[in-house]
Protein backbone atom coordinates (compact mmCIF):
# COMPACT_ATOMS: atom_id res chain seq x y z
CA UNK A 1 108.51 158.77 143.19
CA UNK A 2 105.70 160.87 144.58
CA UNK A 3 101.99 159.99 143.92
CA UNK A 4 101.56 162.67 141.29
CA UNK A 5 104.52 161.30 139.13
CA UNK A 6 107.25 163.64 140.12
CA UNK A 7 110.28 162.61 142.21
CA UNK A 8 111.37 164.61 145.06
CA UNK A 9 114.71 165.44 143.19
CA UNK A 10 112.83 167.04 140.20
CA UNK A 11 110.93 169.17 142.53
CA UNK A 12 114.04 170.24 144.51
CA UNK A 13 115.81 171.03 141.13
CA UNK A 14 112.92 173.23 139.95
CA UNK A 15 112.80 175.34 143.07
CA UNK A 16 111.96 179.10 142.15
CA UNK A 17 114.62 180.62 144.40
CA UNK A 18 117.81 182.06 142.88
CA UNK A 19 121.14 180.38 143.69
CA UNK A 20 124.46 179.37 142.26
CA UNK A 21 124.22 175.59 141.89
CA UNK A 22 127.36 173.47 142.01
CA UNK A 23 128.06 169.75 141.90
CA UNK A 24 131.29 169.00 143.62
CA UNK A 25 133.21 165.76 143.05
CA UNK A 26 136.32 164.90 145.08
CA UNK A 27 138.85 163.47 142.53
CA UNK A 28 142.21 161.94 142.28
CA UNK A 29 142.67 163.82 139.04
CA UNK A 30 140.55 165.70 136.48
CA UNK A 31 141.00 167.30 133.06
CA UNK A 32 139.07 169.22 130.37
CA UNK A 33 139.77 168.84 126.73
CA UNK A 34 138.41 171.11 123.95
CA UNK A 35 138.93 170.24 120.35
CA UNK A 36 141.81 167.79 121.34
CA UNK A 37 143.73 170.22 123.48
CA UNK A 38 143.72 169.81 127.29
CA UNK A 39 142.68 173.26 128.59
CA UNK A 40 142.51 172.46 132.36
CA UNK A 41 143.96 169.72 134.39
CA UNK A 42 144.31 169.07 138.22
CA UNK A 43 145.63 166.38 140.36
CA UNK A 44 143.99 165.57 143.60
CA UNK A 45 141.25 168.02 144.54
CA UNK A 46 137.72 168.86 143.48
CA UNK A 47 135.89 169.13 140.11
CA UNK A 48 133.27 171.84 140.52
CA UNK A 49 130.46 171.94 137.93
CA UNK A 50 128.91 175.47 138.27
CA UNK A 51 125.55 176.84 137.04
CA UNK A 52 123.99 180.12 137.56
CA UNK A 53 120.39 181.30 136.99
CA UNK A 54 118.90 184.68 135.92
CA UNK A 55 118.92 186.48 139.41
CA UNK A 56 122.24 185.32 140.78
CA UNK A 57 124.74 188.08 141.99
CA UNK A 58 128.23 188.71 143.21
CA UNK A 59 127.13 187.67 146.67
CA UNK A 60 126.04 184.27 145.46
CA UNK A 61 129.48 183.87 143.71
CA UNK A 62 131.24 184.63 146.91
CA UNK A 63 129.05 182.25 148.94
CA UNK A 64 129.75 179.46 146.37
CA UNK A 65 133.52 180.11 146.46
CA UNK A 66 133.57 180.21 150.29
CA UNK A 67 131.58 176.91 150.47
CA UNK A 68 133.84 175.22 147.89
CA UNK A 69 136.96 176.39 149.80
CA UNK A 70 135.85 175.56 153.33
CA UNK A 71 133.73 172.49 153.19
CA UNK A 72 135.46 169.58 154.81
CA UNK A 73 135.19 167.24 151.83
CA UNK A 74 138.60 165.98 151.19
CA UNK A 75 139.61 162.46 152.04
CA UNK A 76 141.36 163.49 155.23
CA UNK A 77 138.22 165.37 156.51
CA UNK A 78 139.81 168.76 155.74
CA UNK A 79 138.92 171.62 153.42
CA UNK A 80 140.71 173.12 150.42
CA UNK A 81 141.45 176.18 152.22
CA UNK A 82 143.51 174.26 154.99
CA UNK A 83 145.90 173.17 152.35
CA UNK A 84 146.98 176.43 150.58
CA UNK A 85 150.40 176.32 152.07
CA UNK A 86 151.07 172.76 151.33
CA UNK A 87 153.97 171.94 148.82
CA UNK A 88 151.30 170.24 146.48
CA UNK A 89 147.91 171.53 147.62
CA UNK A 90 144.71 170.07 146.27
CA UNK A 91 143.22 172.03 143.39
CA UNK A 92 139.76 172.89 141.89
CA UNK A 93 138.72 172.37 138.28
CA UNK A 94 135.85 174.77 137.68
CA UNK A 95 133.58 173.84 134.76
CA UNK A 96 130.50 175.75 133.65
CA UNK A 97 127.54 173.58 133.46
CA UNK A 98 124.32 175.28 132.60
CA UNK A 99 122.46 171.83 132.34
CA UNK A 100 122.30 171.83 136.20
CA UNK A 101 119.31 174.08 135.72
CA UNK A 102 117.64 171.72 133.16
CA UNK A 103 114.00 170.90 134.06
CA UNK A 104 112.30 167.75 132.83
CA UNK A 105 108.78 168.41 134.13
CA UNK A 106 107.11 168.68 130.58
CA UNK A 107 107.65 166.31 127.77
CA UNK A 108 110.68 164.35 126.76
CA UNK A 109 113.04 167.33 126.03
CA UNK A 110 114.70 169.19 128.93
CA UNK A 111 114.10 172.85 129.19
CA UNK A 112 117.11 175.20 129.90
CA UNK A 113 114.98 178.39 130.71
CA UNK A 114 116.20 178.48 134.34
CA UNK A 115 119.80 178.81 133.22
CA UNK A 116 121.29 182.22 132.98
CA UNK A 117 122.18 183.42 129.39
CA UNK A 118 125.82 183.64 128.50
CA UNK A 119 126.22 187.49 129.12
CA UNK A 120 125.11 187.04 132.76
CA UNK A 121 126.43 183.42 133.35
CA UNK A 122 130.02 183.64 131.96
CA UNK A 123 131.17 186.50 134.29
CA UNK A 124 129.63 184.84 137.36
CA UNK A 125 131.11 181.45 136.64
CA UNK A 126 134.59 183.09 135.94
CA UNK A 127 134.20 184.99 139.24
CA UNK A 128 133.76 181.88 141.15
CA UNK A 129 137.17 180.55 139.81
CA UNK A 130 138.71 184.03 140.50
CA UNK A 131 137.29 184.06 144.07
CA UNK A 132 138.86 180.72 144.76
CA UNK A 133 142.15 181.92 143.48
CA UNK A 134 141.99 185.01 145.73
CA UNK A 135 141.61 182.56 148.59
CA UNK A 136 144.97 180.94 147.70
CA UNK A 137 143.47 177.81 145.84
CA UNK A 138 145.02 176.54 142.66
CA UNK A 139 142.17 176.64 140.08
CA UNK A 140 142.02 175.32 136.46
CA UNK A 141 139.01 175.87 134.21
CA UNK A 142 137.21 174.66 131.15
CA UNK A 143 136.17 177.07 128.37
CA UNK A 144 132.73 178.62 128.76
CA UNK A 145 130.39 177.58 126.12
CA UNK A 146 132.77 175.07 124.52
CA UNK A 147 131.90 171.43 123.77
CA UNK A 148 134.20 169.96 126.53
CA UNK A 149 135.31 166.39 127.09
CA UNK A 150 135.60 166.07 131.03
CA UNK A 151 137.61 163.24 132.62
CA UNK A 152 137.98 162.48 136.16
CA UNK A 153 138.67 159.79 138.57
CA UNK A 154 136.27 160.24 141.50
CA UNK A 155 137.81 159.76 144.92
CA UNK A 156 135.33 157.82 147.05
CA UNK A 157 133.14 158.10 145.13
CA UNK A 158 132.27 161.47 146.55
CA UNK A 159 129.66 163.80 144.98
CA UNK A 160 127.95 166.64 146.66
CA UNK A 161 125.29 169.29 145.41
CA UNK A 162 125.95 172.83 146.88
CA UNK A 163 123.45 175.53 146.45
CA UNK A 164 124.16 179.15 147.61
CA UNK A 165 120.68 179.25 149.48
CA UNK A 166 121.00 175.88 151.22
């Protein structure tokens, strides 16, 4: 905690620059259920919680997909893109997560004002999934804006925060 009561993490999360923000978790398996129906499921791979802010662009989407595909984050120190020709390649489960742009600097209720509104956010989150598919990676998704139950078995545990500007 810093002397004025804010943690380094809260300052980092409230930066003013635009960027697609993702939390990547390497998993043995993951799934998303909406209203009792499984809408997305993967075996080994990565669960990617993805959030966008007001000024994010197609370039940010492309950078995010490239990072997810090329980061050497799998257990064997390889990337997802290195496995596209495998008989059972690792996959990505992309889930929209506007709460990654929540701020808690005032009061007891988080503010979501840094998160992009649905008309901007949904196409960009969908574009991350499409860009990964175009790279030959198997992708499952949740349903944008739905109340989702997310289950995963973290491999490691391994969790990484990825920003397009970092």
